[in-house]
Protein backbone atom coordinates (compact mmCIF):
# COMPACT_ATOMS: atom_id res chain seq x y z
CA UNK A 1 249.60 43.36 -27.13
CA UNK A 2 248.44 46.40 -25.25
CA UNK A 3 250.20 49.15 -27.15
CA UNK A 4 247.17 51.42 -27.62
CA UNK A 5 248.34 53.83 -24.89
CA UNK A 6 251.58 54.62 -26.74
CA UNK A 7 252.08 57.48 -29.17
CA UNK A 8 254.99 55.75 -30.93
CA UNK A 9 254.73 54.89 -34.60
CA UNK A 10 255.50 51.18 -34.68
CA UNK A 11 255.22 51.00 -38.46
CA UNK A 12 257.95 53.55 -39.16
CA UNK A 13 260.83 52.58 -41.43
CA UNK A 14 264.22 54.16 -41.78
CA UNK A 15 264.52 56.03 -45.08
CA UNK A 16 268.03 55.36 -46.30
CA UNK A 17 268.57 58.20 -48.73
CA UNK A 18 270.07 61.67 -48.87
CA UNK A 19 273.18 62.50 -46.87
CA UNK A 20 273.70 59.12 -45.11
CA UNK A 21 273.79 57.26 -48.43
CA UNK A 22 275.84 59.95 -50.16
CA UNK A 23 278.48 60.07 -47.43
CA UNK A 24 278.66 56.27 -47.33
CA UNK A 25 279.33 56.15 -51.08
CA UNK A 26 281.92 58.96 -50.86
CA UNK A 27 283.73 57.06 -48.07
CA UNK A 28 283.76 53.88 -50.19
CA UNK A 29 285.28 55.80 -53.14
CA UNK A 30 287.95 57.26 -50.84
CA UNK A 31 288.71 53.73 -49.62
CA UNK A 32 289.05 52.32 -53.13
CA UNK A 33 291.38 55.17 -54.12
CA UNK A 34 293.52 54.70 -50.98
CA UNK A 35 293.85 50.96 -51.59
CA UNK A 36 294.72 51.58 -55.26
CA UNK A 37 297.27 54.19 -54.17
CA UNK A 38 298.86 51.65 -51.80
CA UNK A 39 299.24 49.02 -54.50
CA UNK A 40 300.40 51.48 -57.20
CA UNK A 41 303.08 52.97 -54.94
CA UNK A 42 304.42 49.47 -54.21
CA UNK A 43 303.29 49.46 -50.58
CA UNK A 44 301.74 46.06 -51.22
CA UNK A 45 302.47 44.47 -47.85
CA UNK A 46 301.29 47.58 -46.01
CA UNK A 47 298.09 47.71 -48.08
CA UNK A 48 297.36 44.04 -47.41
CA UNK A 49 297.94 44.63 -43.68
CA UNK A 50 295.38 47.46 -43.72
CA UNK A 51 292.92 45.34 -45.69
CA UNK A 52 293.30 42.58 -43.10
CA UNK A 53 292.86 45.07 -40.27
CA UNK A 54 289.63 46.55 -41.66
CA UNK A 55 288.30 43.25 -43.06
CA UNK A 56 288.70 41.66 -39.63
CA UNK A 57 287.26 44.72 -37.84
CA UNK A 58 284.28 44.76 -40.23
CA UNK A 59 283.54 41.07 -39.62
CA UNK A 60 284.03 41.44 -35.85
CA UNK A 61 281.53 44.29 -35.54
CA UNK A 62 278.92 42.38 -37.58
CA UNK A 63 279.53 39.24 -35.48
CA UNK A 64 279.12 41.34 -32.33
CA UNK A 65 275.67 42.32 -33.63
CA UNK A 66 274.69 38.65 -33.84
CA UNK A 67 276.22 38.03 -30.40
CA UNK A 68 274.15 40.89 -28.94
CA UNK A 69 270.96 39.34 -30.34
CA UNK A 70 271.79 35.89 -29.01
CA UNK A 71 272.53 37.20 -25.52
CA UNK A 72 269.18 39.02 -25.34
CA UNK A 73 267.30 35.86 -26.32
CA UNK A 74 269.16 33.51 -23.98
CA UNK A 75 268.95 35.93 -21.06
CA UNK A 76 265.28 36.55 -21.94
CA UNK A 77 266.08 40.24 -21.56
CA UNK A 78 263.37 42.76 -22.35
CA UNK A 79 265.15 46.11 -22.05
CA UNK A 80 266.80 45.92 -25.50
CA UNK A 81 263.73 44.86 -27.50
CA UNK A 82 263.26 48.35 -28.93
CA UNK A 83 266.89 48.34 -30.14
CA UNK A 84 267.00 44.88 -31.72
CA UNK A 85 266.57 46.01 -35.32
CA UNK A 86 270.02 47.65 -35.15
CA UNK A 87 272.06 44.53 -34.24
CA UNK A 88 269.82 42.54 -36.61
CA UNK A 89 270.89 44.83 -39.47
CA UNK A 90 274.53 44.38 -38.45
CA UNK A 91 274.06 40.59 -38.32
CA UNK A 92 272.54 40.54 -41.82
CA UNK A 93 275.75 42.11 -43.18
CA UNK A 94 278.00 39.42 -41.65
CA UNK A 95 277.92 37.12 -44.75
CA UNK A 96 279.28 39.98 -46.90
CA UNK A 97 281.91 40.88 -44.30
CA UNK A 98 282.89 37.20 -44.06
CA UNK A 99 283.37 36.85 -47.82
CA UNK A 100 285.53 39.99 -47.89
CA UNK A 101 287.73 38.74 -45.03
CA UNK A 102 288.11 35.30 -46.67
CA UNK A 103 289.16 36.93 -49.97
CA UNK A 104 291.70 39.15 -48.16
CA UNK A 105 293.23 36.21 -46.26
CA UNK A 106 293.29 33.93 -49.33
CA UNK A 107 294.89 36.67 -51.46
CA UNK A 108 297.43 37.43 -48.75
CA UNK A 109 298.41 33.78 -48.58
CA UNK A 110 298.58 33.40 -52.37
CA UNK A 111 300.84 36.43 -52.75
CA UNK A 112 302.85 35.73 -49.56
CA UNK A 113 302.04 39.27 -48.37
CA UNK A 114 300.28 37.94 -45.26
CA UNK A 115 301.13 35.02 -42.96
CA UNK A 116 304.59 34.61 -44.53
CA UNK A 117 305.94 33.90 -41.05
CA UNK A 118 304.55 30.37 -41.36
CA UNK A 119 303.85 30.21 -45.09
CA UNK A 120 307.34 30.89 -46.49
CA UNK A 121 308.82 28.46 -49.02
CA UNK A 122 310.71 25.58 -47.42
CA UNK A 123 309.98 26.68 -43.87
CA UNK A 124 308.91 23.18 -42.80
CA UNK A 125 311.53 21.34 -44.91
CA UNK A 126 314.55 20.24 -42.82
CA UNK A 127 316.71 20.35 -45.96
CA UNK A 128 315.80 23.95 -46.79
CA UNK A 129 317.86 26.97 -45.68
CA UNK A 130 314.52 28.54 -44.65
CA UNK A 131 313.73 25.68 -42.25
CA UNK A 132 312.24 26.79 -38.95
CA UNK A 133 311.89 24.06 -36.32
CA UNK A 134 309.26 25.98 -34.30
CA UNK A 135 307.04 26.55 -37.35
CA UNK A 136 307.57 22.96 -38.50
CA UNK A 137 306.30 21.82 -35.10
CA UNK A 138 303.11 23.85 -35.62
CA UNK A 139 302.61 22.88 -39.27
CA UNK A 140 299.90 20.33 -38.45
CA UNK A 141 297.73 23.28 -37.44
CA UNK A 142 299.27 26.14 -39.39
CA UNK A 143 299.00 25.03 -43.00
CA UNK A 144 297.06 26.70 -45.80
CA UNK A 145 294.29 24.10 -46.40
CA UNK A 146 293.44 23.71 -42.70
CA UNK A 147 293.73 27.47 -42.11
CA UNK A 148 291.23 28.23 -44.91
CA UNK A 149 288.88 25.41 -43.84
CA UNK A 150 288.75 26.84 -40.32
CA UNK A 151 288.28 30.42 -41.50
CA UNK A 152 285.50 29.56 -43.95
CA UNK A 153 283.88 27.15 -41.49
CA UNK A 154 283.80 29.59 -38.58
CA UNK A 155 282.50 32.50 -40.65
CA UNK A 156 279.92 30.33 -42.42
CA UNK A 157 278.56 29.15 -39.07
CA UNK A 158 278.48 32.67 -37.62
CA UNK A 159 276.75 33.99 -40.75
CA UNK A 160 274.14 31.21 -40.73
CA UNK A 161 273.13 31.94 -37.14
CA UNK A 162 273.27 35.72 -37.66
CA UNK A 163 270.95 35.69 -40.67
CA UNK A 164 268.66 33.08 -39.09
CA UNK A 165 268.14 35.16 -35.94
CA UNK A 166 267.35 38.25 -38.03
CA UNK A 167 264.89 36.31 -40.22
CA UNK A 168 263.10 34.76 -37.24
CA UNK A 169 262.45 38.21 -35.81
CA UNK A 170 260.80 39.31 -39.06
CA UNK A 171 258.74 36.08 -39.14
CA UNK A 172 257.65 36.85 -35.59
CA UNK A 173 256.14 40.15 -36.76
CA UNK A 174 254.37 38.43 -39.66
CA UNK A 175 253.02 35.42 -37.80
CA UNK A 176 252.71 36.50 -34.16
CA UNK A 177 252.74 33.95 -31.35
CA UNK A 178 255.77 32.51 -29.61
CA UNK A 179 256.94 30.02 -32.24
CA UNK A 180 259.64 32.26 -33.76
CA UNK A 181 260.73 33.52 -30.36
CA UNK A 182 261.22 29.97 -29.07
CA UNK A 183 263.22 29.08 -32.20
CA UNK A 184 265.33 32.21 -31.69
CA UNK A 185 266.07 31.08 -28.13
CA UNK A 186 267.21 27.63 -29.30
CA UNK A 187 269.35 28.97 -32.15
CA UNK A 188 270.89 31.51 -29.79
CA UNK A 189 271.92 28.82 -27.31
CA UNK A 190 273.71 26.85 -30.04
CA UNK A 191 275.27 29.98 -31.48
CA UNK A 192 276.66 31.17 -28.15
CA UNK A 193 278.26 27.79 -27.45
CA UNK A 194 279.83 27.61 -30.92
CA UNK A 195 280.86 31.27 -30.90
CA UNK A 196 282.35 31.03 -27.42
CA UNK A 197 284.57 28.07 -28.28
CA UNK A 198 285.63 29.19 -31.77
CA UNK A 199 286.13 32.96 -31.38
CA UNK A 200 289.57 32.52 -29.76
CA UNK A 201 290.60 30.18 -32.60
CA UNK A 202 289.40 32.73 -35.15
CA UNK A 203 291.58 35.38 -33.47
CA UNK A 204 294.55 32.99 -33.19
CA UNK A 205 294.34 32.19 -36.91
CA UNK A 206 293.59 35.59 -38.38
CA UNK A 207 295.74 37.84 -36.19
CA UNK A 208 298.05 35.93 -33.81
CA UNK A 209 299.47 33.67 -36.54
CA UNK A 210 300.96 36.76 -38.23
CA UNK A 211 303.74 36.24 -35.65
CA UNK A 212 303.65 32.46 -35.41
CA UNK A 213 306.58 32.02 -33.00
CA UNK A 214 304.67 33.86 -30.31
CA UNK A 215 301.45 32.75 -28.67
CA UNK A 216 299.20 33.78 -25.81
CA UNK A 217 296.22 31.85 -24.49
CA UNK A 218 294.69 35.20 -23.49
CA UNK A 219 294.85 36.59 -27.02
CA UNK A 220 291.47 35.18 -28.06
CA UNK A 221 289.63 36.79 -25.14
CA UNK A 222 291.54 40.02 -25.64
CA UNK A 223 290.22 40.06 -29.23
CA UNK A 224 286.74 39.10 -28.08
CA UNK A 225 286.67 42.01 -25.62
CA UNK A 226 287.70 44.45 -28.37
CA UNK A 227 285.06 42.99 -30.72
CA UNK A 228 282.29 43.23 -28.13
CA UNK A 229 283.08 46.81 -27.06
CA UNK A 230 283.26 47.88 -30.71
CA UNK A 231 279.91 46.24 -31.49
CA UNK A 232 278.27 47.92 -28.48
CA UNK A 233 279.66 51.28 -29.61
CA UNK A 234 278.26 50.85 -33.14
CA UNK A 235 274.81 49.92 -31.77
CA UNK A 236 274.93 53.00 -29.51
CA UNK A 237 276.01 55.36 -32.31
CA UNK A 238 273.30 54.15 -34.70
CA UNK A 239 270.62 54.34 -31.97
CA UNK A 240 271.54 57.91 -31.00
CA UNK A 241 271.79 59.14 -34.60
CA UNK A 242 268.45 57.53 -35.50
CA UNK A 243 266.84 59.11 -32.45
CA UNK A 244 268.25 62.51 -33.40
CA UNK A 245 266.86 62.06 -36.91
CA UNK A 246 263.34 61.62 -35.54
CA UNK A 247 263.22 57.81 -35.46
CA UNK A 248 262.91 55.37 -32.55
CA UNK A 249 261.03 57.68 -30.20
CA UNK A 250 260.68 54.74 -27.79
CA UNK A 251 264.41 54.77 -27.06
CA UNK A 252 265.05 56.89 -23.97
CA UNK A 253 267.84 57.70 -21.53
CA UNK A 254 267.25 54.43 -19.67
CA UNK A 255 268.14 52.36 -22.75
CA UNK A 256 271.18 54.55 -23.37
CA UNK A 257 272.17 54.14 -19.73
CA UNK A 258 272.23 50.35 -20.14
CA UNK A 259 274.31 50.60 -23.31
CA UNK A 260 276.66 52.97 -21.49
CA UNK A 261 277.02 50.50 -18.61
CA UNK A 262 277.92 47.71 -21.04
CA UNK A 263 280.50 49.89 -22.79
CA UNK A 264 281.96 51.01 -19.44
CA UNK A 265 282.08 47.48 -18.00
CA UNK A 266 283.57 45.75 -21.01
CA UNK A 267 286.14 48.49 -21.53
CA UNK A 268 287.38 47.54 -18.06
CA UNK A 269 287.24 43.85 -19.01
CA UNK A 270 289.27 44.61 -22.17
CA UNK A 271 291.86 46.36 -19.98
CA UNK A 272 291.95 43.49 -17.53
CA UNK A 273 292.81 41.00 -20.30
CA UNK A 274 295.23 43.45 -21.94
CA UNK A 275 297.07 44.05 -18.66
CA UNK A 276 297.06 40.39 -17.62
CA UNK A 277 298.60 39.37 -20.95
CA UNK A 278 301.16 42.18 -20.75
CA UNK A 279 302.07 41.68 -17.08
CA UNK A 280 302.49 37.90 -17.27
CA UNK A 281 304.82 38.21 -20.26
CA UNK A 282 306.67 41.21 -18.81
CA UNK A 283 307.62 39.61 -15.49
CA UNK A 284 308.28 36.16 -17.00
CA UNK A 285 310.93 37.86 -19.16
CA UNK A 286 311.26 34.95 -21.57
CA UNK A 287 312.72 35.94 -24.96
CA UNK A 288 310.17 33.97 -26.98
CA UNK A 289 307.37 35.82 -25.14
CA UNK A 290 308.74 39.33 -24.62
CA UNK A 291 309.63 39.71 -28.30
CA UNK A 292 305.96 40.52 -28.97
CA UNK A 293 305.98 43.58 -26.72
CA UNK A 294 309.57 44.47 -27.57
CA UNK A 295 308.45 45.10 -31.16
CA UNK A 296 305.64 47.33 -29.91
CA UNK A 297 308.05 49.37 -27.80
CA UNK A 298 310.12 50.34 -30.81
CA UNK A 299 310.02 54.13 -31.48
CA UNK A 300 307.60 53.64 -34.41
CA UNK A 301 304.92 52.05 -32.21
CA UNK A 302 305.55 53.05 -28.58
CA UNK A 303 303.41 56.26 -28.67
CA UNK A 304 300.53 54.28 -30.24
CA UNK A 305 301.01 51.52 -27.64
CA UNK A 306 300.34 53.90 -24.74
CA UNK A 307 297.69 55.92 -26.59
CA UNK A 308 295.80 52.65 -27.08
CA UNK A 309 295.54 52.20 -23.31
CA UNK A 310 294.58 55.84 -22.71
CA UNK A 311 291.76 55.82 -25.28
CA UNK A 312 290.35 52.38 -24.56
CA UNK A 313 290.63 52.36 -20.76
CA UNK A 314 291.29 55.77 -19.23
CA UNK A 315 288.81 57.68 -21.40
CA UNK A 316 285.68 55.52 -20.87
CA UNK A 317 286.44 55.12 -17.14
CA UNK A 318 286.85 58.84 -16.52
CA UNK A 319 284.05 60.01 -18.83
CA UNK A 320 281.42 57.32 -18.15
CA UNK A 321 281.98 56.87 -14.43
CA UNK A 322 278.87 58.76 -13.31
CA UNK A 323 275.24 57.77 -13.85
CA UNK A 324 274.41 61.07 -15.58
CA UNK A 325 277.21 60.67 -18.12
CA UNK A 326 275.74 57.38 -19.34
CA UNK A 327 272.35 59.02 -19.83
CA UNK A 328 273.53 61.97 -21.95
CA UNK A 329 273.34 61.41 -25.69
CA UNK A 330 276.22 63.75 -26.56
CA UNK A 331 278.61 62.23 -24.00
CA UNK A 332 277.74 58.66 -24.95
CA UNK A 333 278.06 59.42 -28.67
CA UNK A 334 281.49 60.99 -28.15
CA UNK A 335 282.77 58.03 -26.11
CA UNK A 336 281.39 55.48 -28.59
CA UNK A 337 283.10 57.20 -31.55
CA UNK A 338 286.33 57.60 -29.55
CA UNK A 339 286.34 53.90 -28.64
CA UNK A 340 285.71 52.83 -32.25
CA UNK A 341 288.83 54.78 -33.22
CA UNK A 342 290.61 53.36 -30.17
CA UNK A 343 289.92 49.77 -31.10
CA UNK A 344 291.00 50.45 -34.68
CA UNK A 345 294.29 51.51 -33.08
CA UNK A 346 294.20 48.35 -30.95
CA UNK A 347 293.98 46.15 -34.08
CA UNK A 348 296.60 48.34 -35.77
CA UNK A 349 299.07 47.56 -32.97
CA UNK A 350 298.21 43.84 -33.16
CA UNK A 351 298.79 43.64 -36.92
CA UNK A 352 301.37 46.17 -38.14
CA UNK A 353 304.54 45.19 -36.21
CA UNK A 354 304.19 41.57 -37.39
CA UNK A 355 303.56 42.48 -41.03
CA UNK A 356 305.28 45.69 -42.10
CA UNK A 357 307.58 45.95 -39.09
CA UNK A 358 309.31 49.26 -38.46
CA UNK A 359 308.24 50.86 -41.75
CA UNK A 360 306.43 54.17 -41.27
CA UNK A 361 302.86 52.99 -41.50
CA UNK A 362 300.43 55.79 -40.86
CA UNK A 363 299.08 57.91 -43.67
CA UNK A 364 296.83 57.87 -46.72
CA UNK A 365 296.55 54.07 -46.95
CA UNK A 366 295.56 53.66 -43.28
CA UNK A 367 293.07 56.53 -43.11
CA UNK A 368 291.59 55.89 -46.57
CA UNK A 369 291.14 52.14 -46.05
CA UNK A 370 289.44 52.74 -42.69
CA UNK A 371 287.09 55.30 -44.23
CA UNK A 372 286.30 52.96 -47.12
CA UNK A 373 285.30 50.08 -44.87
CA UNK A 374 283.35 52.43 -42.57
CA UNK A 375 281.43 53.61 -45.64
CA UNK A 376 280.78 50.06 -46.79
CA UNK A 377 279.57 49.04 -43.35
CA UNK A 378 277.27 52.08 -43.16
CA UNK A 379 275.87 51.46 -46.64
CA UNK A 380 275.10 47.79 -46.08
CA UNK A 381 273.89 48.08 -42.47
CA UNK A 382 271.64 51.11 -43.00
CA UNK A 383 270.27 49.53 -46.17
CA UNK A 384 269.43 46.36 -44.19
CA UNK A 385 267.89 48.53 -41.46
CA UNK A 386 265.58 50.22 -43.98
CA UNK A 387 264.01 46.94 -45.13
CA UNK A 388 261.76 46.41 -42.09
CA UNK A 389 259.96 48.41 -39.41
CA UNK A 390 262.30 49.77 -36.75
CA UNK A 391 260.78 47.76 -33.91
CA UNK A 392 259.86 44.06 -33.55
CA UNK A 393 256.23 44.85 -32.82
CA UNK A 394 255.19 41.30 -31.85
CA UNK A 395 258.19 40.52 -29.65
CA UNK A 396 256.85 39.12 -26.34
CA UNK A 397 258.97 41.53 -24.28
CA UNK A 398 258.13 44.71 -26.21
CA UNK A 399 256.09 46.23 -23.38
CA UNK A 400 258.96 45.68 -20.96
CA UNK A 401 261.26 47.63 -23.25
CA UNK A 402 258.75 50.46 -23.72
CA UNK A 403 258.43 50.85 -19.95
CA UNK A 404 262.11 50.27 -19.18
CA UNK A 405 263.23 52.45 -16.31
CA UNK A 406 266.38 52.31 -14.19
C-alpha cells in the first residue's frame, strides 16, 4: 500500500476521556433522573412512550451505521473508507441498543402501558365487552408471543451482521489481503436483503401497532428514511467533531460534501414518502385512514406537525442547496444537529398521539429522556471508537479515499 507520501498518522486512536466522557455521563444521569421523575409523578404511560421513542431512535441510528457499512461494501465504494470507523463504532453498539429496546417493549406489554390498543384484556374474545372485531382479525399477527419473536429475531439478526462487519474490518488490518474484504462483501449482501425486507415490519410492529386500527404500507419506508437520515447526521457530526479535535486529518471537504449530498437527498426522499402517505390518506377521506392525521391536527400536536415538515424538509433544502454549503463544516454541523432534533420530533409525532393522546406531553420527561439516551449513545459509541485505530489502514480502497476529490 503506497501510503509513504502521506503525512497522516494512520496509527492514531481516539482518546475517550475528559469532557466528552464527562458530558456523556452527566447526560445519562439527567436521563435517569427524568425517567425516575416520570414514574414517581405517576406519568407512567408518558414515561414509557418516551422510553419507546428514544429506545427505538437509539436502535435505528445504530442500525443505520451497519447499513452504511454494508452499502459501501456492496457498492465497492472507496470515498468513505476513511470514515468507516465511525459507522463501525455505531454498529458495535447495536446489540446494547437492541437489548434496551426489547426490555422497553416487553415491559410496556407486561404493564399494559404500551400496545394496549391490541393487547387489552378480552379484546379478541367475542364474549367480552372489550371485544374489537378489527383487532381480532389481526390477532394472528398481533399477539404477544409472535410480536416478541419478531422483535428479538430482527434485532438479533441486525446485531449479528453489524458486529461481524465491524470485526472483519479489524481482522483486515491484522491480516492484510483481501480475505476479510471479500467476506465483508458477502455478509453485506445478505444483510441488505434481510434488512430491506424486515425493516418495514420492524417499524410496523414497534411504532405503527401503537394504533392498530390504522395501517399504511408506506409507513415502513417513511421510518426507514428517518432512520437513514438520522444515521447520516450522526456520522457527519462525529466526523466533524473528531476533525476539529485534531483527529482524522485525511477527512476533507470532499468527504463532507458527499455526506452533505446524502443528507440533502434523503431528506427529500423522507419528505416524498411523508407527503405521499399524507396526500393519499387526505384525499381518500376514509374515516379509518384519516383518523391518524386527525389526531395529529388536534391543538396539542398541530404546531409540532408543521414544525416537523419545516425542520426535516424546508431547512435542509434551503441550507444545503448549494455546493459550497455542503463543504462548510459549520453549516453541515448545524444542519446535522438540527435534523437529529427534527427526527426526534418526527418519532414524537408518530408515538405520542397513539399512547398518551391529548395529554400535555412536552417537558422534563421528554427532554431528560432524550438527553439520557444521547449520553448513553455517545458513551458507548465513542468508547467503541477508541478501541482501534481511526482508519482501516489495509482496506483495499484506502488510497481512493485519501485522494477523493469532487
